[in-house]
C-alpha atoms as a PDB file:
ATOM      1  CA  MET A   1     -26.301  16.148  18.148  1.00  0.00           C
ATOM      2  CA  GLU A   2     -28.831  16.590  15.399  1.00  0.00           C
ATOM      3  CA  SER A   3     -27.592  19.756  14.080  1.00  0.00           C
ATOM      4  CA  LYS A   4     -24.197  18.106  13.485  1.00  0.00           C
ATOM      5  CA  LYS A   5     -25.743  15.286  11.545  1.00  0.00           C
ATOM      6  CA  THR A   6     -27.746  17.897   9.527  1.00  0.00           C
ATOM      7  CA  THR A   7     -24.778  19.986   8.826  1.00  0.00           C
ATOM      8  CA  ARG A   8     -22.660  16.957   7.625  1.00  0.00           C
ATOM      9  CA  ASN A   9     -25.441  15.935   5.292  1.00  0.00           C
ATOM     10  CA  THR A  10     -26.068  19.344   3.924  1.00  0.00           C
ATOM     11  CA  ALA A  11     -22.254  19.678   3.360  1.00  0.00           C
ATOM     12  CA  ALA A  12     -22.286  16.457   1.508  1.00  0.00           C
ATOM     13  CA  LEU A  13     -25.210  17.639  -0.786  1.00  0.00           C
ATOM     14  CA  THR A  14     -23.593  20.906  -1.904  1.00  0.00           C
ATOM     15  CA  GLU A  15     -22.913  21.091  -5.671  1.00  0.00           C
ATOM     16  CA  SER A  16     -19.084  21.297  -4.826  1.00  0.00           C
ATOM     17  CA  SER A  17     -19.285  18.189  -2.668  1.00  0.00           C
ATOM     18  CA  ARG A  18     -21.321  16.251  -5.295  1.00  0.00           C
ATOM     19  CA  ALA A  19     -18.611  17.011  -7.886  1.00  0.00           C
ATOM     20  CA  LEU A  20     -15.863  16.051  -5.405  1.00  0.00           C
ATOM     21  CA  LEU A  21     -17.681  12.853  -4.658  1.00  0.00           C
ATOM     22  CA  GLU A  22     -18.144  11.908  -8.180  1.00  0.00           C
ATOM     23  CA  ARG A  23     -14.378  12.577  -8.916  1.00  0.00           C
ATOM     24  CA  ALA A  24     -13.223  10.601  -5.904  1.00  0.00           C
ATOM     25  CA  ARG A  25     -15.596   7.723  -7.038  1.00  0.00           C
ATOM     26  CA  HIS A  26     -13.771   7.722 -10.553  1.00  0.00           C
ATOM     27  CA  TYR A  27     -10.366   7.872  -8.578  1.00  0.00           C
ATOM     28  CA  CYS A  28     -11.234   4.821  -6.545  1.00  0.00           C
ATOM     29  CA  ALA A  29     -12.695   2.841  -9.379  1.00  0.00           C
ATOM     30  CA  LEU A  30      -9.408   3.204 -11.296  1.00  0.00           C
ATOM     31  CA  SER A  31      -7.521   1.356  -8.661  1.00  0.00           C
ATOM     32  CA  GLU A  32      -7.590   0.426  -4.867  1.00  0.00           C
ATOM     33  CA  GLN A  33      -7.256   3.566  -2.614  1.00  0.00           C
ATOM     34  CA  CYS A  34      -6.741   3.784   1.038  1.00  0.00           C
ATOM     35  CA  GLU A  35      -8.447   6.455   3.145  1.00  0.00           C
ATOM     36  CA  SER A  36      -5.517   8.603   3.825  1.00  0.00           C
ATOM     37  CA  GLY A  37      -4.660   8.818   0.258  1.00  0.00           C
ATOM     38  CA  VAL A  38      -8.045   9.673  -0.721  1.00  0.00           C
ATOM     39  CA  ARG A  39      -8.472  12.425   1.982  1.00  0.00           C
ATOM     40  CA  GLN A  40      -4.972  13.933   0.715  1.00  0.00           C
ATOM     41  CA  LYS A  41      -6.310  13.723  -2.848  1.00  0.00           C
ATOM     42  CA  LEU A  42      -9.656  15.550  -1.779  1.00  0.00           C
ATOM     43  CA  ILE A  43      -7.712  18.231  -0.179  1.00  0.00           C
ATOM     44  CA  SER A  44      -5.391  18.780  -3.050  1.00  0.00           C
ATOM     45  CA  TRP A  45      -8.643  19.016  -5.314  1.00  0.00           C
ATOM     46  CA  GLY A  46      -9.940  21.954  -3.019  1.00  0.00           C
ATOM     47  CA  ALA A  47     -12.225  20.141  -0.604  1.00  0.00           C
ATOM     48  CA  THR A  48     -12.816  21.700   2.726  1.00  0.00           C
ATOM     49  CA  SER A  49     -12.192  19.796   5.814  1.00  0.00           C
ATOM     50  CA  ASP A  50     -15.997  19.748   6.517  1.00  0.00           C
ATOM     51  CA  GLU A  51     -16.392  18.208   3.174  1.00  0.00           C
ATOM     52  CA  VAL A  52     -13.909  15.485   3.229  1.00  0.00           C
ATOM     53  CA  THR A  53     -15.341  13.371   6.169  1.00  0.00           C
ATOM     54  CA  PRO A  54     -18.757  12.893   4.619  1.00  0.00           C
ATOM     55  CA  ILE A  55     -17.340  12.179   1.183  1.00  0.00           C
ATOM     56  CA  VAL A  56     -15.043   9.429   2.590  1.00  0.00           C
ATOM     57  CA  GLU A  57     -17.760   7.872   4.760  1.00  0.00           C
ATOM     58  CA  ARG A  58     -20.074   7.753   1.543  1.00  0.00           C
ATOM     59  CA  LEU A  59     -17.197   6.226  -0.418  1.00  0.00           C
ATOM     60  CA  ARG A  60     -16.886   3.524   2.395  1.00  0.00           C
ATOM     61  CA  ALA A  61     -20.801   2.915   2.318  1.00  0.00           C
ATOM     62  CA  GLU A  62     -20.649   2.422  -1.295  1.00  0.00           C
ATOM     63  CA  ASP A  63     -17.587   0.159  -1.063  1.00  0.00           C
ATOM     64  CA  TYR A  64     -15.293   2.376  -3.143  1.00  0.00           C
ATOM     65  CA  LEU A  65     -13.044   2.241  -0.255  1.00  0.00           C
ATOM     66  CA  ASN A  66     -12.107  -0.890   1.704  1.00  0.00           C
ATOM     67  CA  ASP A  67      -8.886  -1.195   3.958  1.00  0.00           C
ATOM     68  CA  PHE A  68      -8.843  -5.014   3.662  1.00  0.00           C
ATOM     69  CA  ARG A  69      -9.248  -4.958  -0.180  1.00  0.00           C
ATOM     70  CA  TYR A  70      -6.604  -2.123  -0.410  1.00  0.00           C
ATOM     71  CA  ALA A  71      -4.097  -4.012   1.810  1.00  0.00           C
ATOM     72  CA  ARG A  72      -4.267  -7.246  -0.294  1.00  0.00           C
ATOM     73  CA  ALA A  73      -3.941  -5.265  -3.508  1.00  0.00           C
ATOM     74  CA  PHE A  74      -0.982  -3.227  -2.168  1.00  0.00           C
ATOM     75  CA  CYS A  75       0.722  -6.415  -0.995  1.00  0.00           C
ATOM     76  CA  GLU A  76       0.332  -8.309  -4.083  1.00  0.00           C
ATOM     77  CA  GLY A  77       1.437  -5.387  -6.200  1.00  0.00           C
ATOM     78  CA  LYS A  78       4.612  -4.532  -4.311  1.00  0.00           C
ATOM     79  CA  LEU A  79       5.634  -8.242  -4.123  1.00  0.00           C
ATOM     80  CA  ILE A  80       4.929  -9.201  -7.699  1.00  0.00           C
ATOM     81  CA  HIS A  81       5.699  -6.020  -9.688  1.00  0.00           C
ATOM     82  CA  GLN A  82       8.085  -4.016  -7.362  1.00  0.00           C
ATOM     83  CA  ARG A  83       9.475  -7.225  -5.993  1.00  0.00           C
ATOM     84  CA  TRP A  84       9.720  -5.749  -2.258  1.00  0.00           C
ATOM     85  CA  GLY A  85      10.417  -7.813   0.916  1.00  0.00           C
ATOM     86  CA  ARG A  86       7.873  -8.092   3.562  1.00  0.00           C
ATOM     87  CA  GLN A  87       9.575  -5.423   5.863  1.00  0.00           C
ATOM     88  CA  LYS A  88       9.259  -2.838   3.218  1.00  0.00           C
ATOM     89  CA  VAL A  89       5.810  -3.697   2.283  1.00  0.00           C
ATOM     90  CA  LEU A  90       4.877  -3.625   6.113  1.00  0.00           C
ATOM     91  CA  TYR A  91       6.470  -0.446   6.614  1.00  0.00           C
ATOM     92  CA  HIS A  92       4.658   1.276   3.662  1.00  0.00           C
ATOM     93  CA  LEU A  93       1.383  -0.311   4.708  1.00  0.00           C
ATOM     94  CA  ARG A  94       1.755   1.326   8.271  1.00  0.00           C
ATOM     95  CA  THR A  95       2.385   4.657   6.842  1.00  0.00           C
ATOM     96  CA  LYS A  96      -1.014   4.437   5.196  1.00  0.00           C
ATOM     97  CA  HIS A  97      -2.756   4.430   8.814  1.00  0.00           C
ATOM     98  CA  LEU A  98      -4.565   1.162   7.930  1.00  0.00           C
ATOM     99  CA  PRO A  99      -6.007  -0.971  11.099  1.00  0.00           C
ATOM    100  CA  LYS A 100      -3.671  -3.665  12.131  1.00  0.00           C
ATOM    101  CA  GLU A 101      -6.415  -6.370  11.001  1.00  0.00           C
ATOM    102  CA  ALA A 102      -6.226  -4.999   7.579  1.00  0.00           C
ATOM    103  CA  ILE A 103      -2.505  -4.984   7.542  1.00  0.00           C
ATOM    104  CA  GLU A 104      -2.236  -8.429   8.655  1.00  0.00           C
ATOM    105  CA  ALA A 105      -4.746  -9.708   6.078  1.00  0.00           C
ATOM    106  CA  GLY A 106      -2.798  -8.003   3.413  1.00  0.00           C
ATOM    107  CA  MET A 107       0.381  -9.599   4.586  1.00  0.00           C
ATOM    108  CA  SER A 108      -1.207 -13.060   4.631  1.00  0.00           C
ATOM    109  CA  VAL A 109      -1.558 -13.036   0.982  1.00  0.00           C
ATOM    110  CA  ILE A 110       2.259 -13.261   0.505  1.00  0.00           C
ATOM    111  CA  ASP A 111       3.042 -17.052   0.294  1.00  0.00           C
ATOM    112  CA  ASP A 112       6.486 -18.288   1.203  1.00  0.00           C
ATOM    113  CA  GLU A 113       7.046 -20.333  -2.154  1.00  0.00           C
ATOM    114  CA  THR A 114       6.326 -17.243  -4.370  1.00  0.00           C
ATOM    115  CA  TYR A 115       8.059 -14.891  -1.813  1.00  0.00           C
ATOM    116  CA  PHE A 116      11.387 -16.956  -1.784  1.00  0.00           C
ATOM    117  CA  GLY A 117      11.225 -17.539  -5.458  1.00  0.00           C
ATOM    118  CA  ILE A 118      11.035 -13.638  -6.362  1.00  0.00           C
ATOM    119  CA  MET A 119      13.889 -13.095  -3.744  1.00  0.00           C
ATOM    120  CA  ALA A 120      16.150 -15.821  -5.380  1.00  0.00           C
ATOM    121  CA  ASP A 121      15.346 -14.356  -8.821  1.00  0.00           C
ATOM    122  CA  GLU A 122      16.461 -10.908  -7.535  1.00  0.00           C
ATOM    123  CA  THR A 123      19.520 -12.618  -6.016  1.00  0.00           C
ATOM    124  CA  GLU A 124      20.465 -14.189  -9.430  1.00  0.00           C
ATOM    125  CA  LYS A 125      20.035 -11.163 -11.261  1.00  0.00           C
ATOM    126  CA  LYS A 126      22.065  -8.868  -8.919  1.00  0.00           C
ATOM    127  CA  LEU A 127      24.958 -11.558  -8.754  1.00  0.00           C
ATOM    128  CA  LYS A 128      25.407 -11.457 -12.576  1.00  0.00           C
ATOM    129  CA  THR A 129      25.688  -7.634 -12.418  1.00  0.00           C
ATOM    130  CA  LEU A 130      28.138  -7.987  -9.732  1.00  0.00           C
ATOM    131  CA  GLY A 131      30.514 -10.517 -11.612  1.00  0.00           C
ATOM    132  CA  GLY A 132      28.678 -13.860 -11.252  1.00  0.00           C
ATOM    133  CA  GLU A 133      30.878 -15.044  -8.294  1.00  0.00           C
ATOM    134  CA  MET A 134      29.898 -14.970  -4.617  1.00  0.00           C
ATOM    135  CA  THR A 135      33.095 -13.428  -2.986  1.00  0.00           C
ATOM    136  CA  PRO A 136      32.874 -11.893   0.549  1.00  0.00           C
ATOM    137  CA  ASP A 137      32.855  -8.528  -1.053  1.00  0.00           C
ATOM    138  CA  VAL A 138      29.798  -9.556  -3.371  1.00  0.00           C
ATOM    139  CA  ARG A 139      28.060 -11.128  -0.520  1.00  0.00           C
ATOM    140  CA  ARG A 140      28.301  -7.861   1.558  1.00  0.00           C
ATOM    141  CA  LYS A 141      26.832  -5.905  -1.378  1.00  0.00           C
ATOM    142  CA  MET A 142      24.111  -8.561  -1.963  1.00  0.00           C
ATOM    143  CA  LEU A 143      23.144  -8.298   1.674  1.00  0.00           C
ATOM    144  CA  SER A 144      22.904  -4.485   1.425  1.00  0.00           C
ATOM    145  CA  PHE A 145      20.904  -4.779  -1.789  1.00  0.00           C
ATOM    146  CA  LEU A 146      18.477  -7.240  -0.397  1.00  0.00           C
ATOM    147  CA  ALA A 147      18.005  -5.354   2.786  1.00  0.00           C
ATOM    148  CA  SER A 148      17.210  -2.256   0.840  1.00  0.00           C
ATOM    149  CA  ARG A 149      14.499  -4.135  -1.023  1.00  0.00           C
ATOM    150  CA  GLY A 150      12.899  -4.935   2.299  1.00  0.00           C
ATOM    151  CA  TYR A 151      14.149  -8.552   2.977  1.00  0.00           C
ATOM    152  CA  SER A 152      15.019  -9.371   6.594  1.00  0.00           C
ATOM    153  CA  VAL A 153      18.750 -10.622   7.317  1.00  0.00           C
ATOM    154  CA  SER A 154      17.232 -14.170   8.222  1.00  0.00           C
ATOM    155  CA  GLU A 155      15.462 -14.383   4.863  1.00  0.00           C
ATOM    156  CA  ILE A 156      18.591 -13.151   3.151  1.00  0.00           C
ATOM    157  CA  SER A 157      20.783 -15.879   5.069  1.00  0.00           C
ATOM    158  CA  ARG A 158      18.349 -18.479   3.796  1.00  0.00           C
ATOM    159  CA  VAL A 159      18.629 -17.568   0.361  1.00  0.00           C
ATOM    160  CA  LEU A 160      22.388 -16.837   0.208  1.00  0.00           C
ATOM    161  CA  ASP A 161      23.365 -20.019   2.143  1.00  0.00           C
END
C-alpha cells in the first residue's frame, strides 16, 4: 500500500508533472473546468495516465477544481449567454460525469422568472423571423425550435398559450 502512495507522489513530483500541474492551474484559473475536461486536456498535453490522477487530486486539494462551482457556472452561462433550456443544460452536465448532487446544485441556480423571461424573448425573436403571426405551421416550427434549444413541451406550451 505504501509503495503505491510513494509512486504516486514521485510521479507528481517529476519535472514533467510539475510543468503539467502549473499549466493545468493556469487553465483552471482562466475559467471553471470539470474533472473530465481537465483529464482530457492533460492527456492532450502529453500526460501519462500515471500523471493525470495525482495532478487532478492536487488541483482539487488546491480548489482549482470544484464540481459544485463548475455546475453553477455552467448552468448560469448556458442559460444567460447561450439561452439553453433546462433539458439541454441537464443533458450536457450529465456528459461531464459530475456527481448528482453537483448537477442538482447547478440546476437550482436557474430561477423560473429569469428562465421563462429568456424563453419568451427567444419566442418573440423567432416569431419575427417566421412572419410575426402564430399560424399552425409557425406554431409547429416554434415548438421544434424551442425543443431544440432544450425547453420541454410543457414549458413551451406554457409560453405559447
